[in-house]
Amino acid sequence: MEGKKVFCLATMGAFSGDGAGCSARLLKKCGATVLGGLHLKMPDSVCDSKLLKKSKEEKMETIRRAEEKIGRAVGQIKSGRYPQNGLGFFPHLVGLFGQRLWFYGKTKRYSDKLKIDRARCIGCGVCVRICPMKNFTLENQAAAPHGKCTMCYRCISGCPQKAITLVGKEVVEQYRLENFMGHKE
């Protein structure tokens, strides 16, 4: 990373705090020069709770607003000004107290609570391949989690059998960007 110029982009469902700032601090330690940051609200990834689901129209509106924000950011960058979302002192405090300290206590109990429905799991290994934490192995032809979950929901939304849950008891249909743009999955 030494000498690289980077722009940090953080996506969020409801609240980001300093998502871009966390990345920026890590990249700076590796010698990168951080030019700016941008936070984009995107449709949620929590697909095992009906309470948190939004309609397709609401999700399209969220995507539309994100596209507008990206357009404004591109305009700023072209004129030599980089957005600084999440990179200052205040977002760092909000991220520290609002996310890492408060939410950590709330979510810590979930990180080792992934549930695998053995009747649905076919041992395909998708969760093993897509988990960024390498939390899964296949044991006895079924997925087995190992307590390293960061609640990214990749395994849950990516499981073709809808066999994995965390917060809820069943996977609710998850809209994907491809569905919005008229592409087939």
N, C-alpha and C. Protein backbone atom coordinates (compact mmCIF):
# COMPACT_ATOMS: atom_id res chain seq x y z
N MET A 1 0.81 -1.20 0.00
CA MET A 1 0.00 0.00 0.00
C MET A 1 0.86 1.26 0.00
N GLU A 2 2.08 1.14 0.35
CA GLU A 2 2.95 2.31 0.45
C GLU A 2 2.88 3.14 -0.82
N GLY A 3 2.52 4.42 -0.67
CA GLY A 3 2.48 5.34 -1.79
C GLY A 3 1.20 5.29 -2.63
N LYS A 4 0.30 4.39 -2.34
CA LYS A 4 -0.96 4.29 -3.10
C LYS A 4 -1.92 5.39 -2.65
N LYS A 5 -2.67 5.94 -3.59
CA LYS A 5 -3.72 6.90 -3.29
C LYS A 5 -5.04 6.13 -3.33
N VAL A 6 -5.84 6.28 -2.26
CA VAL A 6 -7.08 5.51 -2.17
C VAL A 6 -8.27 6.42 -1.83
N PHE A 7 -9.44 5.95 -2.22
CA PHE A 7 -10.70 6.59 -1.88
C PHE A 7 -11.53 5.50 -1.20
N CYS A 8 -12.01 5.76 0.01
CA CYS A 8 -12.72 4.75 0.79
C CYS A 8 -14.23 4.90 0.61
N LEU A 9 -14.88 3.82 0.22
CA LEU A 9 -16.32 3.79 0.02
C LEU A 9 -16.91 2.81 1.01
N ALA A 10 -17.91 3.28 1.77
CA ALA A 10 -18.57 2.40 2.75
C ALA A 10 -20.05 2.35 2.43
N THR A 11 -20.62 1.16 2.38
CA THR A 11 -22.05 1.02 2.22
C THR A 11 -22.65 0.68 3.56
N MET A 12 -23.91 1.04 3.73
CA MET A 12 -24.58 0.82 5.01
C MET A 12 -26.04 0.53 4.76
N GLY A 13 -26.67 -0.08 5.75
CA GLY A 13 -28.11 -0.30 5.68
C GLY A 13 -28.85 0.86 6.32
N ALA A 14 -28.58 1.11 7.59
CA ALA A 14 -29.28 2.18 8.29
C ALA A 14 -28.32 3.24 8.81
N PHE A 15 -27.14 2.82 9.26
CA PHE A 15 -26.25 3.72 9.98
C PHE A 15 -24.81 3.30 9.74
N SER A 16 -23.94 4.24 9.43
CA SER A 16 -22.57 3.87 9.14
C SER A 16 -21.56 4.43 10.14
N GLY A 17 -21.84 5.59 10.73
CA GLY A 17 -20.85 6.16 11.64
C GLY A 17 -19.61 6.55 10.87
N ASP A 18 -18.58 5.75 10.98
CA ASP A 18 -17.33 6.06 10.28
C ASP A 18 -16.79 4.85 9.53
N GLY A 19 -17.66 4.21 8.76
CA GLY A 19 -17.24 3.05 7.97
C GLY A 19 -16.05 3.35 7.08
N ALA A 20 -16.11 4.48 6.36
CA ALA A 20 -14.99 4.87 5.51
C ALA A 20 -13.77 5.21 6.37
N GLY A 21 -14.02 5.82 7.53
CA GLY A 21 -12.93 6.18 8.42
C GLY A 21 -12.17 4.98 8.95
N CYS A 22 -12.88 3.89 9.24
CA CYS A 22 -12.20 2.67 9.72
C CYS A 22 -11.24 2.16 8.66
N SER A 23 -11.72 2.10 7.42
CA SER A 23 -10.85 1.66 6.33
C SER A 23 -9.69 2.62 6.14
N ALA A 24 -9.99 3.91 6.19
CA ALA A 24 -8.95 4.92 5.98
C ALA A 24 -7.83 4.79 7.02
N ARG A 25 -8.20 4.60 8.27
CA ARG A 25 -7.17 4.47 9.32
C ARG A 25 -6.28 3.25 9.09
N LEU A 26 -6.90 2.15 8.69
CA LEU A 26 -6.12 0.93 8.41
C LEU A 26 -5.20 1.13 7.21
N LEU A 27 -5.73 1.73 6.16
CA LEU A 27 -4.93 1.94 4.95
C LEU A 27 -3.78 2.93 5.19
N LYS A 28 -4.03 3.95 6.00
CA LYS A 28 -2.97 4.91 6.34
C LYS A 28 -1.82 4.21 7.07
N LYS A 29 -2.17 3.28 7.97
CA LYS A 29 -1.13 2.52 8.69
C LYS A 29 -0.27 1.70 7.73
N CYS A 30 -0.84 1.36 6.58
CA CYS A 30 -0.11 0.59 5.56
C CYS A 30 0.61 1.50 4.57
N GLY A 31 0.57 2.81 4.81
CA GLY A 31 1.30 3.74 3.96
C GLY A 31 0.53 4.38 2.84
N ALA A 32 -0.78 4.15 2.78
CA ALA A 32 -1.60 4.74 1.71
C ALA A 32 -1.92 6.20 2.03
N THR A 33 -2.17 6.96 0.99
CA THR A 33 -2.67 8.33 1.14
C THR A 33 -4.17 8.28 0.86
N VAL A 34 -4.97 8.67 1.85
CA VAL A 34 -6.42 8.63 1.70
C VAL A 34 -6.89 9.97 1.15
N LEU A 35 -7.48 9.93 -0.03
CA LEU A 35 -7.95 11.15 -0.69
C LEU A 35 -9.33 11.58 -0.20
N GLY A 36 -10.17 10.63 0.15
CA GLY A 36 -11.51 10.96 0.60
C GLY A 36 -12.31 9.73 0.95
N GLY A 37 -13.58 9.95 1.26
CA GLY A 37 -14.46 8.86 1.62
C GLY A 37 -15.90 9.18 1.29
N LEU A 38 -16.69 8.15 1.12
CA LEU A 38 -18.10 8.31 0.79
C LEU A 38 -18.89 7.20 1.45
N HIS A 39 -20.01 7.57 2.08
CA HIS A 39 -20.93 6.60 2.65
C HIS A 39 -22.17 6.53 1.78
N LEU A 40 -22.59 5.35 1.43
CA LEU A 40 -23.79 5.15 0.62
C LEU A 40 -24.76 4.25 1.35
N LYS A 41 -25.97 4.74 1.56
CA LYS A 41 -27.02 3.89 2.10
C LYS A 41 -27.49 2.99 0.97
N MET A 42 -27.56 1.70 1.24
CA MET A 42 -27.99 0.72 0.25
C MET A 42 -29.09 -0.15 0.86
N PRO A 43 -29.81 -0.91 0.04
CA PRO A 43 -30.82 -1.82 0.61
C PRO A 43 -30.17 -2.78 1.60
N ASP A 44 -30.95 -3.15 2.60
CA ASP A 44 -30.41 -3.99 3.67
C ASP A 44 -29.98 -5.37 3.18
N SER A 45 -29.13 -5.99 3.96
CA SER A 45 -28.71 -7.36 3.65
C SER A 45 -29.28 -8.34 4.66
N VAL A 46 -30.01 -7.85 5.65
CA VAL A 46 -30.60 -8.74 6.66
C VAL A 46 -31.81 -9.40 6.01
N CYS A 47 -31.65 -10.65 5.65
CA CYS A 47 -32.70 -11.32 4.88
C CYS A 47 -33.41 -12.41 5.67
N ASP A 48 -33.19 -12.46 6.99
CA ASP A 48 -33.90 -13.46 7.77
C ASP A 48 -34.78 -12.82 8.84
N SER A 49 -35.23 -11.60 8.57
CA SER A 49 -36.14 -10.91 9.47
C SER A 49 -37.13 -10.08 8.65
N LYS A 50 -38.41 -10.44 8.70
CA LYS A 50 -39.43 -9.69 7.96
C LYS A 50 -39.54 -8.26 8.47
N LEU A 51 -39.24 -8.04 9.73
CA LEU A 51 -39.32 -6.72 10.34
C LEU A 51 -38.42 -5.72 9.63
N LEU A 52 -37.28 -6.16 9.13
CA LEU A 52 -36.31 -5.27 8.51
C LEU A 52 -36.44 -5.17 7.00
N LYS A 53 -37.37 -5.87 6.40
CA LYS A 53 -37.51 -5.87 4.95
C LYS A 53 -38.25 -4.63 4.47
N LYS A 54 -37.86 -4.17 3.31
CA LYS A 54 -38.50 -3.04 2.65
C LYS A 54 -39.09 -3.54 1.33
N SER A 55 -40.04 -2.79 0.81
CA SER A 55 -40.64 -3.16 -0.47
C SER A 55 -39.64 -2.91 -1.60
N LYS A 56 -39.93 -3.51 -2.76
CA LYS A 56 -39.08 -3.30 -3.92
C LYS A 56 -39.01 -1.81 -4.27
N GLU A 57 -40.14 -1.11 -4.16
CA GLU A 57 -40.17 0.32 -4.46
C GLU A 57 -39.28 1.11 -3.51
N GLU A 58 -39.34 0.78 -2.22
CA GLU A 58 -38.48 1.47 -1.24
C GLU A 58 -37.00 1.20 -1.52
N LYS A 59 -36.70 -0.03 -1.91
CA LYS A 59 -35.31 -0.36 -2.22
C LYS A 59 -34.85 0.37 -3.48
N MET A 60 -35.73 0.48 -4.47
CA MET A 60 -35.37 1.22 -5.69
C MET A 60 -35.11 2.69 -5.37
N GLU A 61 -35.88 3.27 -4.47
CA GLU A 61 -35.67 4.66 -4.07
C GLU A 61 -34.33 4.81 -3.35
N THR A 62 -33.98 3.86 -2.52
CA THR A 62 -32.68 3.89 -1.84
C THR A 62 -31.55 3.84 -2.87
N ILE A 63 -31.69 2.99 -3.87
CA ILE A 63 -30.68 2.88 -4.92
C ILE A 63 -30.62 4.17 -5.74
N ARG A 64 -31.78 4.76 -6.04
CA ARG A 64 -31.82 6.01 -6.80
C ARG A 64 -31.06 7.12 -6.05
N ARG A 65 -31.32 7.22 -4.73
CA ARG A 65 -30.62 8.24 -3.93
C ARG A 65 -29.12 7.98 -3.90
N ALA A 66 -28.73 6.71 -3.82
CA ALA A 66 -27.30 6.38 -3.83
C ALA A 66 -26.66 6.78 -5.15
N GLU A 67 -27.37 6.51 -6.26
CA GLU A 67 -26.85 6.90 -7.58
C GLU A 67 -26.67 8.42 -7.67
N GLU A 68 -27.63 9.17 -7.13
CA GLU A 68 -27.50 10.64 -7.13
C GLU A 68 -26.29 11.08 -6.31
N LYS A 69 -26.11 10.47 -5.16
CA LYS A 69 -24.97 10.82 -4.30
C LYS A 69 -23.65 10.49 -5.00
N ILE A 70 -23.62 9.37 -5.69
CA ILE A 70 -22.41 9.00 -6.44
C ILE A 70 -22.15 10.05 -7.53
N GLY A 71 -23.20 10.48 -8.22
CA GLY A 71 -23.05 11.49 -9.26
C GLY A 71 -22.47 12.79 -8.70
N ARG A 72 -22.98 13.22 -7.55
CA ARG A 72 -22.45 14.44 -6.92
C ARG A 72 -20.99 14.25 -6.53
N ALA A 73 -20.66 13.08 -5.99
CA ALA A 73 -19.28 12.80 -5.58
C ALA A 73 -18.35 12.81 -6.79
N VAL A 74 -18.79 12.22 -7.89
CA VAL A 74 -17.97 12.21 -9.11
C VAL A 74 -17.70 13.64 -9.56
N GLY A 75 -18.73 14.48 -9.50
CA GLY A 75 -18.55 15.88 -9.87
C GLY A 75 -17.52 16.57 -9.00
N GLN A 76 -17.58 16.30 -7.69
CA GLN A 76 -16.60 16.89 -6.77
C GLN A 76 -15.19 16.41 -7.10
N ILE A 77 -15.06 15.10 -7.32
CA ILE A 77 -13.74 14.53 -7.59
C ILE A 77 -13.17 15.10 -8.88
N LYS A 78 -14.00 15.23 -9.90
CA LYS A 78 -13.54 15.79 -11.18
C LYS A 78 -13.04 17.22 -11.01
N SER A 79 -13.60 17.93 -10.03
CA SER A 79 -13.15 19.31 -9.80
C SER A 79 -12.04 19.38 -8.75
N GLY A 80 -11.52 18.21 -8.36
CA GLY A 80 -10.38 18.17 -7.45
C GLY A 80 -10.73 18.19 -5.96
N ARG A 81 -12.01 18.12 -5.64
CA ARG A 81 -12.44 18.08 -4.23
C ARG A 81 -13.01 16.69 -3.95
N TYR A 82 -12.45 16.03 -2.95
CA TYR A 82 -12.89 14.69 -2.62
C TYR A 82 -13.85 14.73 -1.42
N PRO A 83 -15.00 14.03 -1.50
CA PRO A 83 -15.89 13.95 -0.34
C PRO A 83 -15.13 13.35 0.85
N GLN A 84 -15.51 13.77 2.04
CA GLN A 84 -14.81 13.32 3.25
C GLN A 84 -15.76 12.60 4.21
N ASN A 85 -16.80 11.94 3.69
CA ASN A 85 -17.77 11.25 4.55
C ASN A 85 -17.07 10.25 5.46
N GLY A 86 -17.33 10.37 6.74
CA GLY A 86 -16.83 9.39 7.70
C GLY A 86 -15.37 9.51 8.07
N LEU A 87 -14.68 10.55 7.61
CA LEU A 87 -13.23 10.62 7.84
C LEU A 87 -12.83 11.58 8.96
N GLY A 88 -13.74 12.36 9.48
CA GLY A 88 -13.39 13.35 10.50
C GLY A 88 -13.48 12.83 11.92
N PHE A 89 -13.24 13.75 12.84
CA PHE A 89 -13.25 13.43 14.27
C PHE A 89 -14.66 13.05 14.74
N PHE A 90 -15.68 13.84 14.36
CA PHE A 90 -17.05 13.56 14.81
C PHE A 90 -17.54 12.20 14.33
N PRO A 91 -17.40 11.87 13.03
CA PRO A 91 -17.83 10.53 12.60
C PRO A 91 -17.06 9.43 13.33
N HIS A 92 -15.79 9.69 13.66
CA HIS A 92 -15.02 8.69 14.41
C HIS A 92 -15.65 8.45 15.79
N LEU A 93 -16.06 9.53 16.47
CA LEU A 93 -16.72 9.37 17.77
C LEU A 93 -18.05 8.66 17.63
N VAL A 94 -18.83 9.04 16.61
CA VAL A 94 -20.13 8.40 16.39
C VAL A 94 -19.92 6.91 16.11
N GLY A 95 -18.95 6.58 15.27
CA GLY A 95 -18.67 5.19 14.98
C GLY A 95 -18.19 4.43 16.20
N LEU A 96 -17.34 5.08 16.99
CA LEU A 96 -16.81 4.43 18.20
C LEU A 96 -17.91 4.14 19.21
N PHE A 97 -18.67 5.18 19.57
CA PHE A 97 -19.69 5.01 20.61
C PHE A 97 -20.99 4.42 20.08
N GLY A 98 -21.37 4.79 18.86
CA GLY A 98 -22.64 4.33 18.32
C GLY A 98 -22.60 2.94 17.74
N GLN A 99 -21.44 2.54 17.23
CA GLN A 99 -21.35 1.22 16.61
C GLN A 99 -20.48 0.28 17.42
N ARG A 100 -19.20 0.59 17.49
CA ARG A 100 -18.27 -0.39 18.04
C ARG A 100 -18.49 -0.67 19.51
N LEU A 101 -18.84 0.31 20.30
CA LEU A 101 -19.05 0.04 21.73
C LEU A 101 -20.48 -0.39 22.03
N TRP A 102 -21.48 0.37 21.52
CA TRP A 102 -22.86 0.04 21.84
C TRP A 102 -23.33 -1.20 21.08
N PHE A 103 -23.17 -1.21 19.74
CA PHE A 103 -23.64 -2.34 18.95
C PHE A 103 -22.84 -3.60 19.23
N TYR A 104 -21.56 -3.46 19.57
CA TYR A 104 -20.76 -4.65 19.83
C TYR A 104 -21.40 -5.47 20.94
N GLY A 105 -21.81 -4.81 22.01
CA GLY A 105 -22.47 -5.53 23.09
C GLY A 105 -23.78 -6.14 22.66
N LYS A 106 -24.51 -5.44 21.79
CA LYS A 106 -25.80 -5.94 21.31
C LYS A 106 -25.63 -7.10 20.34
N THR A 107 -24.62 -7.03 19.49
CA THR A 107 -24.47 -8.04 18.44
C THR A 107 -23.53 -9.18 18.82
N LYS A 108 -22.75 -9.00 19.86
CA LYS A 108 -21.78 -10.04 20.24
C LYS A 108 -22.48 -11.39 20.45
N ARG A 109 -23.66 -11.33 21.03
CA ARG A 109 -24.36 -12.60 21.29
C ARG A 109 -24.80 -13.30 20.02
N TYR A 110 -24.88 -12.55 18.89
CA TYR A 110 -25.27 -13.16 17.63
C TYR A 110 -24.11 -13.83 16.91
N SER A 111 -22.90 -13.37 17.13
CA SER A 111 -21.78 -13.79 16.29
C SER A 111 -21.51 -15.29 16.31
N ASP A 112 -21.96 -15.97 17.33
CA ASP A 112 -21.78 -17.43 17.33
C ASP A 112 -23.13 -18.16 17.30
N LYS A 113 -24.16 -17.49 16.81
CA LYS A 113 -25.50 -18.05 16.81
C LYS A 113 -26.03 -18.40 15.42
N LEU A 114 -25.18 -18.47 14.44
CA LEU A 114 -25.65 -18.90 13.12
C LEU A 114 -26.32 -20.25 13.24
N LYS A 115 -27.47 -20.37 12.60
CA LYS A 115 -28.21 -21.63 12.65
C LYS A 115 -28.20 -22.25 11.25
N ILE A 116 -27.90 -23.51 11.19
CA ILE A 116 -27.91 -24.27 9.94
C ILE A 116 -29.07 -25.25 10.01
N ASP A 117 -30.01 -25.15 9.07
CA ASP A 117 -31.12 -26.09 8.99
C ASP A 117 -30.58 -27.33 8.27
N ARG A 118 -30.30 -28.36 9.02
CA ARG A 118 -29.69 -29.58 8.47
C ARG A 118 -30.58 -30.25 7.43
N ALA A 119 -31.89 -30.05 7.54
CA ALA A 119 -32.80 -30.65 6.56
C ALA A 119 -32.68 -29.94 5.20
N ARG A 120 -32.28 -28.68 5.21
CA ARG A 120 -32.14 -27.91 3.96
C ARG A 120 -30.73 -27.92 3.41
N CYS A 121 -29.73 -27.94 4.26
CA CYS A 121 -28.34 -27.84 3.82
C CYS A 121 -27.97 -29.08 3.00
N ILE A 122 -27.42 -28.82 1.79
CA ILE A 122 -27.03 -29.92 0.91
C ILE A 122 -25.51 -30.07 0.83
N GLY A 123 -24.79 -29.28 1.63
CA GLY A 123 -23.32 -29.38 1.64
C GLY A 123 -22.68 -28.88 0.37
N CYS A 124 -23.28 -27.87 -0.28
CA CYS A 124 -22.76 -27.37 -1.56
C CYS A 124 -21.47 -26.57 -1.39
N GLY A 125 -21.23 -26.00 -0.21
CA GLY A 125 -20.00 -25.27 0.05
C GLY A 125 -20.01 -23.81 -0.35
N VAL A 126 -21.15 -23.28 -0.79
CA VAL A 126 -21.22 -21.86 -1.15
C VAL A 126 -20.81 -21.00 0.04
N CYS A 127 -21.34 -21.29 1.22
CA CYS A 127 -21.02 -20.50 2.41
C CYS A 127 -19.52 -20.56 2.73
N VAL A 128 -18.91 -21.70 2.53
CA VAL A 128 -17.47 -21.85 2.77
C VAL A 128 -16.70 -20.91 1.84
N ARG A 129 -17.11 -20.86 0.57
CA ARG A 129 -16.41 -20.03 -0.42
C ARG A 129 -16.63 -18.54 -0.23
N ILE A 130 -17.83 -18.11 0.18
CA ILE A 130 -18.11 -16.67 0.19
C ILE A 130 -17.93 -16.00 1.55
N CYS A 131 -17.71 -16.74 2.61
CA CYS A 131 -17.54 -16.12 3.93
C CYS A 131 -16.17 -15.45 4.02
N PRO A 132 -16.13 -14.11 4.24
CA PRO A 132 -14.84 -13.42 4.32
C PRO A 132 -14.05 -13.78 5.57
N MET A 133 -14.72 -14.32 6.58
CA MET A 133 -14.05 -14.67 7.83
C MET A 133 -13.59 -16.13 7.86
N LYS A 134 -13.86 -16.86 6.80
CA LYS A 134 -13.54 -18.30 6.76
C LYS A 134 -14.17 -19.00 7.96
N ASN A 135 -15.43 -18.65 8.23
CA ASN A 135 -16.15 -19.14 9.40
C ASN A 135 -16.71 -20.55 9.22
N PHE A 136 -16.81 -21.04 7.99
CA PHE A 136 -17.47 -22.32 7.74
C PHE A 136 -16.51 -23.39 7.26
N THR A 137 -16.84 -24.61 7.63
CA THR A 137 -16.25 -25.80 7.04
C THR A 137 -17.41 -26.74 6.71
N LEU A 138 -17.13 -27.72 5.87
CA LEU A 138 -18.12 -28.75 5.62
C LEU A 138 -17.77 -29.94 6.50
N GLU A 139 -18.72 -30.34 7.30
CA GLU A 139 -18.54 -31.49 8.20
C GLU A 139 -19.72 -32.42 8.02
N ASN A 140 -19.44 -33.67 7.73
CA ASN A 140 -20.50 -34.65 7.49
C ASN A 140 -21.47 -34.16 6.42
N GLN A 141 -20.92 -33.60 5.35
CA GLN A 141 -21.67 -33.12 4.19
C GLN A 141 -22.68 -32.02 4.52
N ALA A 142 -22.34 -31.19 5.51
CA ALA A 142 -23.19 -30.04 5.87
C ALA A 142 -22.30 -28.90 6.37
N ALA A 143 -22.80 -27.68 6.25
CA ALA A 143 -22.06 -26.51 6.71
C ALA A 143 -21.99 -26.49 8.23
N ALA A 144 -20.83 -26.08 8.74
CA ALA A 144 -20.65 -25.95 10.19
C ALA A 144 -19.95 -24.61 10.47
N PRO A 145 -20.61 -23.71 11.23
CA PRO A 145 -19.99 -22.42 11.57
C PRO A 145 -19.05 -22.58 12.76
N HIS A 146 -18.10 -21.64 12.87
CA HIS A 146 -17.09 -21.76 13.92
C HIS A 146 -16.91 -20.50 14.76
N GLY A 147 -17.99 -19.72 14.97
CA GLY A 147 -17.96 -18.61 15.91
C GLY A 147 -17.17 -17.38 15.50
N LYS A 148 -16.94 -17.20 14.19
CA LYS A 148 -16.20 -16.02 13.72
C LYS A 148 -17.08 -15.12 12.86
N CYS A 149 -18.38 -15.11 13.10
CA CYS A 149 -19.33 -14.35 12.28
C CYS A 149 -19.24 -12.86 12.58
N THR A 150 -19.22 -12.04 11.52
CA THR A 150 -19.26 -10.59 11.67
C THR A 150 -20.60 -10.03 11.22
N MET A 151 -21.56 -10.88 10.99
CA MET A 151 -22.92 -10.50 10.59
C MET A 151 -22.96 -9.79 9.24
N CYS A 152 -22.15 -10.20 8.30
CA CYS A 152 -22.17 -9.58 6.97
C CYS A 152 -23.33 -10.11 6.13
N TYR A 153 -23.85 -11.25 6.48
CA TYR A 153 -25.00 -11.88 5.83
C TYR A 153 -24.70 -12.46 4.45
N ARG A 154 -23.46 -12.55 4.07
CA ARG A 154 -23.16 -13.13 2.76
C ARG A 154 -23.61 -14.58 2.70
N CYS A 155 -23.32 -15.35 3.73
CA CYS A 155 -23.69 -16.77 3.72
C CYS A 155 -25.21 -16.94 3.67
N ILE A 156 -25.92 -16.10 4.42
CA ILE A 156 -27.37 -16.23 4.51
C ILE A 156 -28.03 -15.87 3.19
N SER A 157 -27.64 -14.73 2.62
CA SER A 157 -28.27 -14.33 1.36
C SER A 157 -27.75 -15.14 0.17
N GLY A 158 -26.58 -15.76 0.31
CA GLY A 158 -26.01 -16.53 -0.79
C GLY A 158 -26.35 -18.00 -0.79
N CYS A 159 -26.89 -18.50 0.30
CA CYS A 159 -27.20 -19.94 0.39
C CYS A 159 -28.34 -20.29 -0.56
N PRO A 160 -28.09 -21.15 -1.54
CA PRO A 160 -29.14 -21.50 -2.51
C PRO A 160 -30.31 -22.26 -1.88
N GLN A 161 -30.09 -22.86 -0.74
CA GLN A 161 -31.15 -23.64 -0.08
C GLN A 161 -31.85 -22.87 1.03
N LYS A 162 -31.40 -21.62 1.29
CA LYS A 162 -31.95 -20.81 2.39
C LYS A 162 -31.87 -21.59 3.71
N ALA A 163 -30.72 -22.23 3.92
CA ALA A 163 -30.53 -23.10 5.08
C ALA A 163 -29.88 -22.41 6.27
N ILE A 164 -29.41 -21.16 6.10
CA ILE A 164 -28.68 -20.48 7.17
C ILE A 164 -29.47 -19.27 7.64
N THR A 165 -29.59 -19.12 8.95
CA THR A 165 -30.23 -17.94 9.54
C THR A 165 -29.39 -17.45 10.71
N LEU A 166 -29.66 -16.21 11.11
CA LEU A 166 -28.95 -15.63 12.25
C LEU A 166 -29.92 -14.95 13.19
N VAL A 167 -30.59 -13.90 12.74
CA VAL A 167 -31.50 -13.14 13.58
C VAL A 167 -32.88 -13.80 13.61
N GLY A 168 -33.38 -14.16 12.44
CA GLY A 168 -34.71 -14.75 12.33
C GLY A 168 -34.67 -16.26 12.23
N LYS A 169 -35.83 -16.81 11.91
CA LYS A 169 -35.95 -18.26 11.82
C LYS A 169 -36.02 -18.77 10.38
N GLU A 170 -36.30 -17.87 9.42
CA GLU A 170 -36.36 -18.28 8.02
C GLU A 170 -35.87 -17.13 7.15
N VAL A 171 -35.36 -17.47 5.98
CA VAL A 171 -34.88 -16.47 5.04
C VAL A 171 -36.06 -15.92 4.26
N VAL A 172 -36.17 -14.61 4.25
CA VAL A 172 -37.21 -13.91 3.52
C VAL A 172 -36.63 -13.56 2.16
N GLU A 173 -37.45 -13.58 1.12
CA GLU A 173 -36.95 -13.29 -0.23
C GLU A 173 -36.07 -12.05 -0.21
N GLN A 174 -34.90 -12.16 -0.79
CA GLN A 174 -33.93 -11.06 -0.84
C GLN A 174 -33.88 -10.51 -2.24
N TYR A 175 -34.14 -9.23 -2.38
CA TYR A 175 -34.00 -8.59 -3.68
C TYR A 175 -32.54 -8.34 -3.95
N ARG A 176 -32.12 -8.60 -5.14
CA ARG A 176 -30.74 -8.37 -5.55
C ARG A 176 -30.74 -7.27 -6.60
N LEU A 177 -29.65 -6.56 -6.71
CA LEU A 177 -29.53 -5.47 -7.67
C LEU A 177 -29.88 -5.95 -9.08
N GLU A 178 -29.49 -7.17 -9.41
CA GLU A 178 -29.79 -7.71 -10.73
C GLU A 178 -31.30 -7.74 -10.97
N ASN A 179 -32.08 -8.02 -9.91
CA ASN A 179 -33.53 -8.04 -10.03
C ASN A 179 -34.08 -6.66 -10.37
N PHE A 180 -33.47 -5.64 -9.79
CA PHE A 180 -33.93 -4.27 -10.01
C PHE A 180 -33.61 -3.80 -11.42
N MET A 181 -32.50 -4.24 -11.94
CA MET A 181 -32.03 -3.74 -13.22
C MET A 181 -32.54 -4.55 -14.40
N GLY A 182 -33.43 -5.52 -14.15
CA GLY A 182 -34.02 -6.29 -15.23
C GLY A 182 -33.17 -7.45 -15.70
N HIS A 183 -32.10 -7.78 -14.98
CA HIS A 183 -31.26 -8.93 -15.34
C HIS A 183 -31.79 -10.16 -14.64
N LYS A 184 -31.49 -11.30 -15.21
CA LYS A 184 -31.86 -12.56 -14.57
C LYS A 184 -30.71 -13.01 -13.71
N GLU A 185 -31.06 -13.71 -12.61
CA GLU A 185 -30.00 -14.21 -11.72
C GLU A 185 -29.32 -15.41 -12.31
